[in-house]
Amino acid sequence: MGKVRPKLVKRVARELLTKYPDLFKRDFEHNKKVVSKLAVIPSKKLRNQIAGYITHLLAIEAKREKRVEVAGEVSEAGA
């Protein structure tokens, strides 16, 4: 069973990622500091949820890029 996140967390995280894609990394602690600087978040828990979701999205993107890279190598070897 996956984690259930509020729409607010997802919306804010996606907005921050689209506006500032170069500022975020796959490190939660770094993302937590960046979220604090970029947005006024009323609670520590909400800030951590947003930073965690950003970290999660970046990890998914890295896996997707790795999968595409491996698939590209396989198709080149078969050609």
C-alpha atoms as a PDB file:
ATOM      1  CA  MET A   1       0.000   0.000   0.000  1.00  0.00           C
ATOM      2  CA  GLY A   2       1.382   3.381  -0.992  1.00  0.00           C
ATOM      3  CA  LYS A   3       1.583   6.561   0.988  1.00  0.00           C
ATOM      4  CA  VAL A   4      -1.421   8.842   0.842  1.00  0.00           C
ATOM      5  CA  ARG A   5      -0.431  12.490   0.522  1.00  0.00           C
ATOM      6  CA  PRO A   6      -2.752  15.485   0.591  1.00  0.00           C
ATOM      7  CA  LYS A   7      -3.333  17.364  -2.653  1.00  0.00           C
ATOM      8  CA  LEU A   8      -1.726  20.439  -1.113  1.00  0.00           C
ATOM      9  CA  VAL A   9       1.577  18.604  -0.618  1.00  0.00           C
ATOM     10  CA  LYS A  10       1.582  17.276  -4.169  1.00  0.00           C
ATOM     11  CA  ARG A  11       0.553  20.586  -5.736  1.00  0.00           C
ATOM     12  CA  VAL A  12       3.139  22.681  -3.877  1.00  0.00           C
ATOM     13  CA  ALA A  13       5.901  20.136  -4.516  1.00  0.00           C
ATOM     14  CA  ARG A  14       5.182  19.996  -8.244  1.00  0.00           C
ATOM     15  CA  GLU A  15       5.009  23.799  -8.477  1.00  0.00           C
ATOM     16  CA  LEU A  16       8.356  24.199  -6.735  1.00  0.00           C
ATOM     17  CA  LEU A  17       9.930  21.523  -8.956  1.00  0.00           C
ATOM     18  CA  THR A  18       8.692  23.169 -12.154  1.00  0.00           C
ATOM     19  CA  LYS A  19       9.776  26.674 -11.081  1.00  0.00           C
ATOM     20  CA  TYR A  20      13.143  25.724  -9.544  1.00  0.00           C
ATOM     21  CA  PRO A  21      14.264  22.350 -10.980  1.00  0.00           C
ATOM     22  CA  ASP A  22      17.992  23.042 -10.508  1.00  0.00           C
ATOM     23  CA  LEU A  23      17.769  23.789  -6.778  1.00  0.00           C
ATOM     24  CA  PHE A  24      16.577  20.355  -5.655  1.00  0.00           C
ATOM     25  CA  LYS A  25      18.601  17.162  -5.230  1.00  0.00           C
ATOM     26  CA  ARG A  26      17.846  13.589  -4.172  1.00  0.00           C
ATOM     27  CA  ASP A  27      18.847  14.500  -0.597  1.00  0.00           C
ATOM     28  CA  PHE A  28      15.963  15.090   1.822  1.00  0.00           C
ATOM     29  CA  GLU A  29      17.914  17.354   4.191  1.00  0.00           C
ATOM     30  CA  HIS A  30      18.987  19.610   1.319  1.00  0.00           C
ATOM     31  CA  ASN A  31      15.451  19.754  -0.075  1.00  0.00           C
ATOM     32  CA  LYS A  32      14.067  20.597   3.363  1.00  0.00           C
ATOM     33  CA  LYS A  33      16.298  23.680   3.558  1.00  0.00           C
ATOM     34  CA  VAL A  34      15.441  24.745   0.020  1.00  0.00           C
ATOM     35  CA  VAL A  35      11.687  24.441   0.648  1.00  0.00           C
ATOM     36  CA  SER A  36      12.069  26.590   3.778  1.00  0.00           C
ATOM     37  CA  LYS A  37      13.804  29.314   1.772  1.00  0.00           C
ATOM     38  CA  LEU A  38      11.413  29.286  -1.190  1.00  0.00           C
ATOM     39  CA  ALA A  39       8.007  29.047   0.481  1.00  0.00           C
ATOM     40  CA  VAL A  40       6.324  30.163   3.668  1.00  0.00           C
ATOM     41  CA  ILE A  41       5.138  26.877   5.149  1.00  0.00           C
ATOM     42  CA  PRO A  42       3.058  27.152   8.348  1.00  0.00           C
ATOM     43  CA  SER A  43       4.290  23.947   9.999  1.00  0.00           C
ATOM     44  CA  LYS A  44       7.383  21.804  10.176  1.00  0.00           C
ATOM     45  CA  LYS A  45       5.392  18.657   9.375  1.00  0.00           C
ATOM     46  CA  LEU A  46       3.989  20.134   6.163  1.00  0.00           C
ATOM     47  CA  ARG A  47       7.437  21.369   5.109  1.00  0.00           C
ATOM     48  CA  ASN A  48       8.873  17.898   5.672  1.00  0.00           C
ATOM     49  CA  GLN A  49       6.056  16.263   3.701  1.00  0.00           C
ATOM     50  CA  ILE A  50       6.670  18.604   0.749  1.00  0.00           C
ATOM     51  CA  ALA A  51      10.437  18.054   0.861  1.00  0.00           C
ATOM     52  CA  GLY A  52       9.929  14.299   1.119  1.00  0.00           C
ATOM     53  CA  TYR A  53       7.589  14.237  -1.861  1.00  0.00           C
ATOM     54  CA  ILE A  54      10.064  16.276  -3.922  1.00  0.00           C
ATOM     55  CA  THR A  55      12.794  13.784  -2.994  1.00  0.00           C
ATOM     56  CA  HIS A  56      10.463  10.941  -3.983  1.00  0.00           C
ATOM     57  CA  LEU A  57       9.682  12.545  -7.357  1.00  0.00           C
ATOM     58  CA  LEU A  58      13.372  13.069  -8.099  1.00  0.00           C
ATOM     59  CA  ALA A  59      14.133   9.428  -7.249  1.00  0.00           C
ATOM     60  CA  ILE A  60      11.388   8.273  -9.610  1.00  0.00           C
ATOM     61  CA  GLU A  61      12.750  10.520 -12.362  1.00  0.00           C
ATOM     62  CA  ALA A  62      16.275   9.143 -11.857  1.00  0.00           C
ATOM     63  CA  LYS A  63      14.981   5.561 -12.142  1.00  0.00           C
ATOM     64  CA  ARG A  64      13.063   6.464 -15.299  1.00  0.00           C
ATOM     65  CA  GLU A  65      16.153   8.047 -16.887  1.00  0.00           C
ATOM     66  CA  LYS A  66      18.269   5.023 -15.972  1.00  0.00           C
ATOM     67  CA  ARG A  67      15.678   2.674 -17.491  1.00  0.00           C
ATOM     68  CA  VAL A  68      15.577   4.686 -20.733  1.00  0.00           C
ATOM     69  CA  GLU A  69      19.375   4.760 -20.851  1.00  0.00           C
ATOM     70  CA  VAL A  70      19.611   0.972 -20.434  1.00  0.00           C
ATOM     71  CA  ALA A  71      16.898   0.413 -23.037  1.00  0.00           C
ATOM     72  CA  GLY A  72      18.803   2.629 -25.468  1.00  0.00           C
ATOM     73  CA  GLU A  73      21.980   0.599 -24.999  1.00  0.00           C
ATOM     74  CA  VAL A  74      20.113  -2.667 -25.552  1.00  0.00           C
ATOM     75  CA  SER A  75      18.507  -1.438 -28.796  1.00  0.00           C
ATOM     76  CA  GLU A  76      21.900  -0.189 -30.086  1.00  0.00           C
ATOM     77  CA  ALA A  77      23.545  -3.544 -29.329  1.00  0.00           C
ATOM     78  CA  GLY A  78      20.770  -5.422 -31.126  1.00  0.00           C
ATOM     79  CA  ALA A  79      20.947  -3.274 -34.258  1.00  0.00           C
END
